[in-house]
């Protein structure tokens, strides 16, 4: 799986679905579902009462759906200082591995 975004597009999408991320007893509800395919990526969050979904354009190679902790991903994306920086999320979700690569200036 590999999907490529601009920082501004990904940050906006994550902020749009953040309200639906659950804080309850089910750990998966603190994650967002990322589904890349056909040049766009759908990002979904739910707390079982509310569901929020947004779609953004992205470069996609080898599409596969996966989840990632919402606050962790939002924190990483927000630390990239260049709004037009390229962010690549890739990995093998079936093996539990996802990597985050950002070009441009970052603040860590």
Protein backbone atom coordinates (compact mmCIF):
# COMPACT_ATOMS: atom_id res chain seq x y z
CA UNK A 1 0.00 0.00 0.00
CA UNK A 2 1.23 3.47 -0.82
CA UNK A 3 -0.63 6.80 -0.88
CA UNK A 4 0.77 10.29 -1.45
CA UNK A 5 -0.80 13.56 -0.26
CA UNK A 6 -0.01 17.22 0.21
CA UNK A 7 0.21 18.25 3.85
CA UNK A 8 -2.61 20.78 3.57
CA UNK A 9 -5.04 18.29 1.99
CA UNK A 10 -4.30 15.52 4.48
CA UNK A 11 -4.44 17.84 7.49
CA UNK A 12 -7.82 19.26 6.39
CA UNK A 13 -9.23 15.76 5.85
CA UNK A 14 -8.05 14.57 9.27
CA UNK A 15 -9.47 17.65 10.98
CA UNK A 16 -12.81 17.10 9.22
CA UNK A 17 -13.22 13.56 10.58
CA UNK A 18 -11.59 14.15 14.00
CA UNK A 19 -14.91 14.90 15.74
CA UNK A 20 -16.13 11.35 15.05
CA UNK A 21 -13.08 9.59 16.52
CA UNK A 22 -14.22 7.63 19.56
CA UNK A 23 -12.62 7.74 23.01
CA UNK A 24 -14.46 4.71 24.39
CA UNK A 25 -13.42 1.30 25.49
CA UNK A 26 -12.89 -0.11 21.98
CA UNK A 27 -9.34 0.82 20.90
CA UNK A 28 -10.15 0.61 17.17
CA UNK A 29 -12.51 3.57 17.57
CA UNK A 30 -9.52 5.83 18.26
CA UNK A 31 -8.28 5.07 14.72
CA UNK A 32 -9.17 6.42 11.29
CA UNK A 33 -9.78 4.07 8.38
CA UNK A 34 -7.75 5.07 5.31
CA UNK A 35 -8.92 3.53 2.03
CA UNK A 36 -6.81 4.56 -0.99
CA UNK A 37 -7.91 3.61 -4.53
CA UNK A 38 -8.16 5.02 -8.05
CA UNK A 39 -6.38 8.32 -7.42
CA UNK A 40 -8.26 9.24 -4.27
CA UNK A 41 -8.31 8.27 -0.62
CA UNK A 42 -11.29 8.00 1.68
CA UNK A 43 -10.73 8.71 5.38
CA UNK A 44 -13.39 7.54 7.84
CA UNK A 45 -13.79 7.81 11.61
CA UNK A 46 -16.59 6.63 13.89
CA UNK A 47 -17.59 6.42 17.53
CA UNK A 48 -20.46 4.01 16.65
CA UNK A 49 -23.03 6.82 17.02
CA UNK A 50 -21.48 9.24 14.55
CA UNK A 51 -19.51 8.54 11.37
CA UNK A 52 -17.53 11.09 9.37
CA UNK A 53 -16.03 10.40 5.97
CA UNK A 54 -14.09 12.61 3.61
CA UNK A 55 -12.41 11.95 0.28
CA UNK A 56 -9.27 13.62 -1.02
CA UNK A 57 -7.20 13.33 -4.15
CA UNK A 58 -3.99 11.37 -3.74
CA UNK A 59 -1.39 9.45 -5.61
CA UNK A 60 -2.11 5.76 -5.03
CA UNK A 61 0.05 2.71 -5.64
CA UNK A 62 -0.95 -0.76 -4.52
CA UNK A 63 -4.22 0.20 -2.76
CA UNK A 64 -5.10 -1.46 0.55
CA UNK A 65 -7.28 -0.22 3.41
CA UNK A 66 -5.72 0.19 6.86
CA UNK A 67 -6.29 1.96 10.15
CA UNK A 68 -3.95 4.23 12.04
CA UNK A 69 -4.31 5.97 15.40
CA UNK A 70 -5.98 9.30 14.66
CA UNK A 71 -4.09 11.45 17.17
CA UNK A 72 -0.73 9.97 16.20
CA UNK A 73 -1.29 10.65 12.50
CA UNK A 74 -2.72 14.12 13.14
CA UNK A 75 0.28 14.95 15.33
CA UNK A 76 2.76 13.84 12.67
CA UNK A 77 0.99 15.73 9.88
CA UNK A 78 0.66 18.92 11.93
CA UNK A 79 4.42 18.96 12.63
CA UNK A 80 5.23 19.30 8.94
CA UNK A 81 5.66 23.05 8.51
CA UNK A 82 5.48 23.36 4.71
CA UNK A 83 1.79 23.26 3.65
CA UNK A 84 2.73 21.97 0.18
CA UNK A 85 5.07 19.26 1.48
CA UNK A 86 4.51 15.78 0.11
CA UNK A 87 3.49 13.12 2.64
CA UNK A 88 3.70 9.45 1.73
CA UNK A 89 2.03 6.78 3.85
CA UNK A 90 3.14 3.31 2.85
CA UNK A 91 3.64 -0.14 4.20
CA UNK A 92 2.16 -3.57 4.57
CA UNK A 93 -0.95 -3.26 6.73
CA UNK A 94 -1.35 -7.06 6.77
CA UNK A 95 1.96 -7.21 8.66
CA UNK A 96 1.02 -4.33 10.95
CA UNK A 97 3.60 -1.97 9.44
CA UNK A 98 2.88 1.50 8.14
CA UNK A 99 5.48 4.20 7.49
CA UNK A 100 5.16 7.96 7.26
CA UNK A 101 7.51 10.00 5.06
CA UNK A 102 7.35 13.77 4.66
CA UNK A 103 9.45 15.97 2.40
CA UNK A 104 10.17 19.60 3.20
CA UNK A 105 10.55 21.31 6.56
CA UNK A 106 9.37 19.54 9.70
CA UNK A 107 9.28 20.56 13.36
CA UNK A 108 10.11 17.68 15.74
